[in-house]
Amino acid sequence: MKSTFYFPLLALFVMAVSAPFNARPVQAQSGIELENVGASHRFGEGITFIATIRASIPIQSVAIVISDETQGINHVETLAVQADGRTEFHLDTSRSSLRPFSLLKWNYQITLADGSVAQSESAFIRYTDNRFDWQTLESGTLRVNWYNADTNFGQAVLNAAQAGLGSISQLMAVDLAQPIEIFVYNSTDDLRGTLALGGAGWVAGHADPALGVLMVVVEPGPQQGITMEQRIPHELMHVMIYRAVGTGYPNIPAWLREGMATLAETYPNADYDRVLADASAGNRLIPLRDLCVSFPADAGQAFLAYAEARSFTNYLYRTYGSTGLLSLIASYASGVDCEHGTERAFGMPLANLEMNWRASVLGQNTFLPALQNISPYLVLLCLILIIPFIGILITLRKKGSDNEPESHT
């Protein structure tokens, strides 16, 4: 299944990067013209911007303004203008925070010898991962990209994405008003090359919800179908949550974001339940309060964190329904902290909900976890009571000593 697919501003970015083009005059009255405006890039290394600027009167200075609007970052650099008007600027992306597949806008500010300033029209370039020869397949606002495989593979990826959207729709509304693009990598090493800091060694998927872009690893082999059904819906859920709450997305606890994502998996990992049961039996569960900001870097602990997040979020879903989960997401997105978001949504602190989950789902005796939670307060109470008691004993002994008769030889 294939249909026409458009990205916002896609036509503009194609104009900017496919070949140099002749722009219209910046300002007809200023006598400034831009020619051969273009940009090219090597992913992970840099972007080179070129333009030839001509003016009827001498040019005092030229600056290029590069804007990454998704992050609110502007980069301004003064350029050297050659005798024939040519300019060139290289942006080192290996040292920048530029996100893969983001859309950059740039223009030129020209100051003439008479002090007047003109600004060119904007051009656009998309910072794609051009290390690979991507193949594409489209359906509606979904677009999948892959390499080193045939069209059947791409169709399987598209099918997994559509099945994932069906799974997500059981938990929350699916928003496809804006495009979603999926990039499938053959190995973890290939994927890590797209992440700013390389990512943890166990990372097999990543979503940039604001861009509507998700990247997953699907290793070739007999299990690739199952892998697609796990990883693609998982990352799609992150995009859907972002579209539901917008800029409040980062305030949602990691355990809830990842818990929702694992619930969306069409074919969930069978090892989640086993790992969770083993950790519960060995009293090695990670407290949910420790999973509010992020998951552990260690692969084993990270997997346990995913298993806990999935089980706890599923417990909330069965207890309060999808409406309750959406209320909880909205509560956190509004800025409520991790412990009290559940109190606003369900009238119960996170710690209490965790004890209920451990008791009802894992069959734990919650007395010990409860004792662990209040142990700092018990220690403080003991100190408050014991110190005055010791003081009283010392006072009584001193008085007893003062009343004893003296002995003489």
Protein backbone atom coordinates (compact mmCIF):
# COMPACT_ATOMS: atom_id res chain seq x y z
CA MET A 1 0.00 0.00 0.00
CA LYS A 2 1.51 3.30 -1.05
CA SER A 3 0.19 6.84 -1.18
CA THR A 4 1.48 10.37 -1.59
CA PHE A 5 3.25 11.61 1.55
CA TYR A 6 4.13 15.17 2.50
CA PHE A 7 6.12 16.66 5.36
CA PRO A 8 5.55 20.24 6.48
CA LEU A 9 7.99 22.43 4.59
CA LEU A 10 9.28 19.37 2.74
CA ALA A 11 9.12 21.11 -0.61
CA LEU A 12 11.18 23.99 0.76
CA PHE A 13 13.88 21.73 2.15
CA VAL A 14 14.09 19.79 -1.10
CA MET A 15 14.66 23.08 -2.92
CA ALA A 16 17.49 23.88 -0.51
CA VAL A 17 19.39 20.60 -0.59
CA SER A 18 18.72 18.85 -3.87
CA ALA A 19 20.65 21.39 -5.92
CA PRO A 20 21.81 25.01 -5.73
CA PHE A 21 19.19 27.46 -6.91
CA ASN A 22 19.00 31.11 -7.87
CA ALA A 23 17.05 33.11 -5.31
CA ARG A 24 15.13 36.27 -6.02
CA PRO A 25 16.73 39.55 -4.98
CA VAL A 26 16.74 40.12 -1.21
CA GLN A 27 15.42 43.61 -1.70
CA ALA A 28 14.97 45.00 -5.16
CA GLN A 29 15.80 48.52 -4.06
CA SER A 30 19.06 47.43 -2.38
CA GLY A 31 20.47 45.82 -5.49
CA ILE A 32 21.41 42.61 -3.59
CA GLU A 33 21.08 39.21 -5.21
CA LEU A 34 21.76 35.72 -3.86
CA GLU A 35 22.82 32.97 -6.21
CA ASN A 36 23.72 29.28 -5.84
CA VAL A 37 22.23 29.06 -2.35
CA GLY A 38 22.49 25.52 -1.03
CA ALA A 39 23.49 23.18 1.76
CA SER A 40 24.86 19.65 1.98
CA HIS A 41 25.71 17.47 4.95
CA ARG A 42 27.54 14.39 6.15
CA PHE A 43 25.63 12.90 9.04
CA GLY A 44 27.54 13.03 12.31
CA GLU A 45 30.16 15.36 10.86
CA GLY A 46 28.77 18.64 9.59
CA ILE A 47 26.63 20.76 7.28
CA THR A 48 28.14 23.06 4.67
CA PHE A 49 26.19 26.16 3.61
CA ILE A 50 27.12 28.03 0.42
CA ALA A 51 25.84 31.15 -1.34
CA THR A 52 27.06 33.79 -3.74
CA ILE A 53 26.05 37.31 -2.75
CA ARG A 54 26.19 40.21 -5.19
CA ALA A 55 25.37 43.86 -4.48
CA SER A 56 25.43 47.08 -6.47
CA ILE A 57 27.32 48.81 -3.65
CA PRO A 58 30.10 47.39 -1.44
CA ILE A 59 29.18 44.85 1.23
CA GLN A 60 30.37 45.66 4.74
CA SER A 61 29.57 42.30 6.38
CA VAL A 62 27.51 39.13 5.97
CA ALA A 63 26.20 36.84 8.71
CA ILE A 64 24.45 33.48 8.41
CA VAL A 65 21.64 32.76 10.90
CA ILE A 66 20.86 29.06 11.40
CA SER A 67 17.76 28.22 13.43
CA ASP A 68 16.76 24.92 15.03
CA GLU A 69 13.20 25.87 15.89
CA THR A 70 12.36 22.58 17.63
CA GLN A 71 14.95 23.39 20.31
CA GLY A 72 14.75 27.19 20.11
CA ILE A 73 18.44 27.48 19.18
CA ASN A 74 19.91 30.12 16.85
CA HIS A 75 23.47 30.04 15.59
CA VAL A 76 24.86 33.28 14.12
CA GLU A 77 28.22 33.39 12.36
CA THR A 78 29.96 36.21 10.49
CA LEU A 79 31.15 35.06 7.06
CA ALA A 80 34.09 35.96 4.89
CA VAL A 81 32.99 37.14 1.44
CA GLN A 82 35.35 36.34 -1.41
CA ALA A 83 36.05 38.79 -4.22
CA ASP A 84 33.50 37.09 -6.48
CA GLY A 85 30.84 37.15 -3.71
CA ARG A 86 31.09 33.51 -2.70
CA THR A 87 30.55 32.50 0.95
CA GLU A 88 30.83 29.18 2.72
CA PHE A 89 30.18 28.09 6.29
CA HIS A 90 30.68 24.67 7.90
CA LEU A 91 28.62 23.77 10.95
CA ASP A 92 30.31 21.04 13.00
CA THR A 93 27.44 18.73 13.99
CA SER A 94 29.75 16.39 15.92
CA ARG A 95 29.97 19.06 18.63
CA SER A 96 26.41 20.36 18.50
CA SER A 97 23.15 19.19 20.05
CA LEU A 98 21.46 18.96 16.66
CA ARG A 99 18.92 16.14 16.70
CA PRO A 100 18.77 13.61 13.87
CA PHE A 101 16.08 14.31 11.25
CA SER A 102 15.41 17.83 12.52
CA LEU A 103 14.63 20.63 10.08
CA LEU A 104 17.00 23.60 10.04
CA LYS A 105 16.19 27.04 8.68
CA TRP A 106 18.84 29.50 7.57
CA ASN A 107 19.11 32.93 6.00
CA TYR A 108 21.68 35.67 5.44
CA GLN A 109 21.89 39.13 6.96
CA ILE A 110 23.80 41.57 4.74
CA THR A 111 25.09 44.93 5.92
CA LEU A 112 26.08 47.35 3.15
CA ALA A 113 28.70 50.08 3.20
CA ASP A 114 26.01 52.75 3.59
CA GLY A 115 24.82 51.08 6.83
CA SER A 116 21.63 49.57 5.44
CA VAL A 117 20.80 45.99 6.41
CA ALA A 118 18.97 43.41 4.30
CA GLN A 119 17.83 39.90 5.18
CA SER A 120 17.43 37.09 2.68
CA GLU A 121 14.53 34.72 2.40
CA SER A 122 14.88 31.52 4.45
CA ALA A 123 15.96 28.15 3.10
CA PHE A 124 15.62 24.77 4.78
CA ILE A 125 17.58 21.56 5.15
CA ARG A 126 16.64 18.36 6.95
CA TYR A 127 19.50 16.77 8.89
CA THR A 128 18.87 13.20 7.74
CA ASP A 129 20.97 10.15 8.54
CA ASN A 130 22.50 9.82 5.08
CA ARG A 131 24.95 7.08 6.06
CA PHE A 132 22.55 4.56 4.53
CA ASP A 133 20.71 4.07 1.24
CA TRP A 134 17.17 4.29 2.60
CA GLN A 135 14.14 2.70 0.95
CA THR A 136 10.71 4.08 1.83
CA LEU A 137 7.09 2.99 1.96
CA GLU A 138 4.14 5.23 2.80
CA SER A 139 0.54 4.99 3.91
CA GLY A 140 -1.38 8.08 4.88
CA THR A 141 0.76 10.00 7.34
CA LEU A 142 2.93 6.97 8.15
CA ARG A 143 6.27 6.60 6.41
CA VAL A 144 8.73 3.77 7.03
CA ASN A 145 12.40 3.75 6.04
CA TRP A 146 14.81 0.82 5.94
CA TYR A 147 17.97 -0.39 4.22
CA ASN A 148 19.59 -3.68 3.18
CA ALA A 149 16.26 -5.47 2.77
CA ASP A 150 13.54 -5.91 0.17
CA THR A 151 10.08 -4.36 -0.11
CA ASN A 152 8.49 -7.22 1.85
CA PHE A 153 10.50 -6.15 4.86
CA GLY A 154 9.26 -2.57 4.51
CA GLN A 155 5.67 -3.78 4.24
CA ALA A 156 6.11 -5.84 7.41
CA VAL A 157 7.38 -2.72 9.21
CA LEU A 158 4.36 -0.74 8.00
CA ASN A 159 2.01 -3.53 9.10
CA ALA A 160 3.61 -3.59 12.57
CA ALA A 161 3.17 0.17 12.86
CA GLN A 162 -0.51 -0.01 11.90
CA ALA A 163 -1.09 -2.87 14.34
CA GLY A 164 0.66 -0.83 17.02
CA LEU A 165 -1.64 2.11 16.41
CA GLY A 166 -4.57 -0.25 16.87
CA SER A 167 -3.14 -1.40 20.19
CA ILE A 168 -2.53 2.20 21.29
CA SER A 169 -6.13 3.16 20.42
CA GLN A 170 -7.34 0.85 23.21
CA LEU A 171 -5.49 3.03 25.72
CA MET A 172 -5.78 6.53 24.27
CA ALA A 173 -6.75 8.47 21.17
CA VAL A 174 -4.42 8.13 18.17
CA ASP A 175 -3.36 11.45 16.64
CA LEU A 176 -2.19 11.14 13.03
CA ALA A 177 -2.82 14.75 12.04
CA GLN A 178 0.94 15.24 11.68
CA PRO A 179 3.26 12.79 9.90
CA ILE A 180 5.12 10.01 11.68
CA GLU A 181 8.33 8.65 10.22
CA ILE A 182 9.94 5.35 11.24
CA PHE A 183 13.59 4.52 10.61
CA VAL A 184 14.60 0.88 11.02
CA TYR A 185 18.26 0.07 11.70
CA ASN A 186 19.91 -3.33 11.27
CA SER A 187 22.03 -3.16 14.41
CA THR A 188 22.36 -1.43 17.76
CA ASP A 189 25.65 0.09 16.64
CA ASP A 190 23.96 1.69 13.63
CA LEU A 191 21.25 3.17 15.85
CA ARG A 192 23.68 4.44 18.47
CA GLY A 193 25.36 6.48 15.76
CA THR A 194 22.23 8.66 15.61
CA LEU A 195 22.09 9.39 19.37
CA ALA A 196 23.88 12.44 20.71
CA LEU A 197 25.74 10.58 23.47
CA GLY A 198 25.71 7.15 21.90
CA GLY A 199 22.99 5.95 24.27
CA ALA A 200 23.18 3.05 26.70
CA GLY A 201 24.38 -0.24 25.28
CA TRP A 202 20.95 -1.83 25.71
CA VAL A 203 19.01 0.87 23.83
CA ALA A 204 17.15 -0.70 20.89
CA GLY A 205 14.75 2.12 20.11
CA HIS A 206 14.43 5.86 20.43
CA ALA A 207 11.65 8.34 19.75
CA ASP A 208 11.81 12.08 19.19
CA PRO A 209 8.13 12.82 19.85
CA ALA A 210 8.31 16.51 18.96
CA LEU A 211 9.63 15.64 15.49
CA GLY A 212 7.30 12.68 15.03
CA VAL A 213 10.35 10.49 14.35
CA LEU A 214 11.13 7.10 15.82
CA MET A 215 14.14 4.86 15.32
CA VAL A 216 14.25 1.15 16.13
CA VAL A 217 16.66 -1.74 15.73
CA VAL A 218 15.31 -4.81 13.97
CA GLU A 219 18.07 -7.38 13.59
CA PRO A 220 17.79 -9.71 10.57
CA GLY A 221 16.65 -13.22 11.50
CA PRO A 222 13.65 -15.39 12.30
CA GLN A 223 12.61 -13.23 15.27
CA GLN A 224 12.43 -9.95 13.35
CA GLY A 225 8.62 -10.05 13.08
CA ILE A 226 8.24 -10.32 16.87
CA THR A 227 10.86 -7.62 17.34
CA MET A 228 8.89 -5.24 15.11
CA GLU A 229 5.71 -5.91 17.06
CA GLN A 230 7.48 -5.02 20.30
CA ARG A 231 9.64 -2.05 19.42
CA ILE A 232 7.64 -0.11 16.84
CA PRO A 233 4.38 0.17 18.88
CA HIS A 234 6.51 0.97 21.96
CA GLU A 235 8.08 4.03 20.31
CA LEU A 236 4.81 5.04 18.65
CA MET A 237 3.22 5.32 22.09
CA HIS A 238 5.81 7.92 23.12
CA VAL A 239 4.79 10.03 20.13
CA MET A 240 1.09 9.68 20.97
CA ILE A 241 1.62 10.67 24.62
CA TYR A 242 3.56 13.73 23.50
CA ARG A 243 0.80 14.72 21.09
CA ALA A 244 -1.72 14.40 23.90
CA VAL A 245 0.11 16.64 26.40
CA GLY A 246 2.61 18.70 24.38
CA THR A 247 5.41 20.41 26.25
CA GLY A 248 4.40 18.80 29.56
CA TYR A 249 5.69 15.45 28.26
CA PRO A 250 9.13 15.56 30.00
CA ASN A 251 7.46 15.95 33.41
CA ILE A 252 5.73 12.56 33.10
CA PRO A 253 7.65 10.02 35.23
CA ALA A 254 9.81 7.55 33.34
CA TRP A 255 7.92 4.61 34.85
CA LEU A 256 4.63 5.90 33.42
CA ARG A 257 6.00 6.82 29.98
CA GLU A 258 7.70 3.46 29.62
CA GLY A 259 4.84 1.59 31.28
CA MET A 260 2.39 2.97 28.73
CA ALA A 261 4.82 2.18 25.93
CA THR A 262 5.23 -1.45 27.00
CA LEU A 263 1.45 -1.85 27.26
CA ALA A 264 1.23 -0.79 23.61
CA GLU A 265 3.55 -3.58 22.47
CA THR A 266 1.59 -5.93 20.21
CA TYR A 267 3.76 -8.87 21.26
CA PRO A 268 5.10 -8.07 24.75
CA ASN A 269 8.36 -9.60 25.93
CA ALA A 270 7.63 -12.91 27.66
CA ASP A 271 10.56 -12.39 30.03
CA TYR A 272 8.94 -9.40 31.75
CA ASP A 273 6.84 -11.59 34.05
CA ARG A 274 9.68 -14.00 34.83
CA VAL A 275 12.15 -11.27 35.75
CA LEU A 276 9.52 -9.47 37.82
CA ALA A 277 8.61 -12.64 39.75
CA ASP A 278 12.27 -13.44 40.47
CA ALA A 279 12.97 -9.91 41.72
CA SER A 280 9.87 -9.96 43.88
CA ALA A 281 10.75 -13.32 45.43
CA GLY A 282 14.28 -12.11 46.16
CA ASN A 283 13.12 -8.75 47.53
CA ARG A 284 15.09 -7.00 44.75
CA LEU A 285 12.37 -4.80 43.26
CA ILE A 286 13.34 -1.24 42.45
CA PRO A 287 11.20 1.28 44.37
CA LEU A 288 9.04 3.22 41.91
CA ARG A 289 10.26 6.51 43.38
CA ASP A 290 13.69 5.58 41.96
CA LEU A 291 12.18 5.24 38.48
CA CYS A 292 10.64 8.70 38.28
CA VAL A 293 13.43 10.48 36.41
CA SER A 294 15.13 7.74 34.42
CA PHE A 295 15.87 4.03 34.24
CA PRO A 296 19.15 2.43 35.36
CA ALA A 297 22.08 2.33 32.94
CA ASP A 298 22.79 -1.32 33.76
CA ALA A 299 21.06 -3.57 31.21
CA GLY A 300 19.71 -6.06 33.76
CA GLN A 301 18.36 -3.39 36.08
CA ALA A 302 16.92 -1.51 33.11
CA PHE A 303 15.01 -4.61 32.00
CA LEU A 304 13.65 -5.06 35.52
CA ALA A 305 12.59 -1.40 35.48
CA TYR A 306 10.64 -1.97 32.25
CA ALA A 307 9.01 -5.07 33.72
CA GLU A 308 7.97 -3.16 36.86
CA ALA A 309 6.72 -0.18 34.87
CA ARG A 310 4.61 -2.40 32.64
CA SER A 311 3.11 -4.38 35.53
CA PHE A 312 2.37 -1.31 37.68
CA THR A 313 0.89 0.68 34.79
CA ASN A 314 -1.24 -2.32 33.85
CA TYR A 315 -2.42 -2.50 37.47
CA LEU A 316 -3.47 1.16 37.27
CA TYR A 317 -5.21 0.50 33.95
CA ARG A 318 -7.19 -2.44 35.36
CA THR A 319 -8.05 -0.47 38.49
CA TYR A 320 -8.90 2.94 37.04
CA GLY A 321 -9.34 2.29 33.30
CA SER A 322 -7.96 4.24 30.37
CA THR A 323 -9.72 7.38 31.63
CA GLY A 324 -7.77 7.11 34.88
CA LEU A 325 -4.46 6.68 33.05
CA LEU A 326 -5.16 9.74 30.90
CA SER A 327 -6.06 11.70 34.03
CA LEU A 328 -2.76 10.64 35.61
CA ILE A 329 -0.78 11.65 32.51
CA ALA A 330 -2.48 15.04 32.48
CA SER A 331 -1.77 15.47 36.20
CA TYR A 332 1.95 14.91 35.73
CA ALA A 333 2.08 16.98 32.55
CA SER A 334 0.67 19.93 34.48
CA GLY A 335 3.76 19.92 36.70
CA VAL A 336 2.77 17.83 39.74
CA ASP A 337 5.73 15.91 41.21
CA CYS A 338 6.15 12.15 40.95
CA GLU A 339 4.80 11.24 44.41
CA HIS A 340 1.73 13.49 44.31
CA GLY A 341 0.59 13.04 40.72
CA THR A 342 -1.24 9.85 41.68
CA GLU A 343 -2.74 11.65 44.68
CA ARG A 344 -4.31 14.24 42.39
CA ALA A 345 -5.55 11.64 39.90
CA PHE A 346 -6.58 8.82 42.25
CA GLY A 347 -6.57 10.32 45.74
CA MET A 348 -3.66 8.10 46.84
CA PRO A 349 0.11 8.74 47.07
CA LEU A 350 2.45 6.76 44.84
CA ALA A 351 3.91 4.83 47.79
CA ASN A 352 0.47 3.55 48.83
CA LEU A 353 -0.41 2.54 45.28
CA GLU A 354 2.89 0.70 45.01
CA MET A 355 2.14 -1.29 48.18
CA ASN A 356 -1.31 -2.20 46.84
CA TRP A 357 0.23 -3.31 43.53
CA ARG A 358 2.84 -5.43 45.26
CA ALA A 359 0.20 -7.10 47.40
CA SER A 360 -2.47 -7.71 44.75
CA VAL A 361 -0.30 -8.48 41.71
CA LEU A 362 2.90 -9.91 43.18
CA GLY A 363 1.41 -11.42 46.34
CA GLN A 364 3.94 -9.70 48.55
CA ASN A 365 3.56 -9.15 52.27
CA THR A 366 3.61 -5.37 52.21
CA PHE A 367 4.49 -5.04 55.90
CA LEU A 368 8.22 -5.09 55.19
CA PRO A 369 8.10 -2.55 52.33
CA ALA A 370 5.91 -0.34 54.50
CA LEU A 371 8.37 -0.71 57.34
CA GLN A 372 11.20 0.24 54.99
CA ASN A 373 9.29 3.33 53.89
CA ILE A 374 8.74 4.56 57.45
CA SER A 375 12.06 3.37 58.91
CA PRO A 376 13.68 6.83 58.71
CA TYR A 377 10.79 8.24 60.72
CA LEU A 378 11.02 5.41 63.27
CA VAL A 379 14.71 6.12 63.76
CA LEU A 380 13.96 9.81 64.27
CA LEU A 381 11.17 8.99 66.74
CA CYS A 382 13.48 6.72 68.71
CA LEU A 383 16.10 9.45 68.90
CA ILE A 384 13.49 11.93 70.10
CA LEU A 385 12.33 9.55 72.86
CA ILE A 386 15.62 7.92 73.86
CA ILE A 387 17.78 11.02 74.29
CA PRO A 388 15.48 12.63 76.92
CA PHE A 389 15.12 9.23 78.62
CA ILE A 390 18.89 8.89 78.90
CA GLY A 391 19.05 12.40 80.32
CA ILE A 392 16.46 11.50 82.96
CA LEU A 393 18.41 8.36 83.95
CA ILE A 394 21.63 10.34 84.32
CA THR A 395 19.85 12.93 86.47
CA LEU A 396 18.30 10.27 88.74
CA ARG A 397 21.65 8.51 89.20
CA LYS A 398 23.31 11.78 90.08
CA LYS A 399 20.67 12.54 92.67
CA GLY A 400 21.05 9.03 94.08
CA SER A 401 24.76 9.56 94.44
CA ASP A 402 24.28 12.89 96.23
CA ASN A 403 21.99 11.23 98.85
CA GLU A 404 24.35 8.35 99.70
CA PRO A 405 26.20 8.66 103.19
CA GLU A 406 29.90 9.33 103.03
CA SER A 407 32.25 6.62 104.29
CA HIS A 408 35.38 7.26 106.41
CA THR A 409 38.18 5.03 107.48
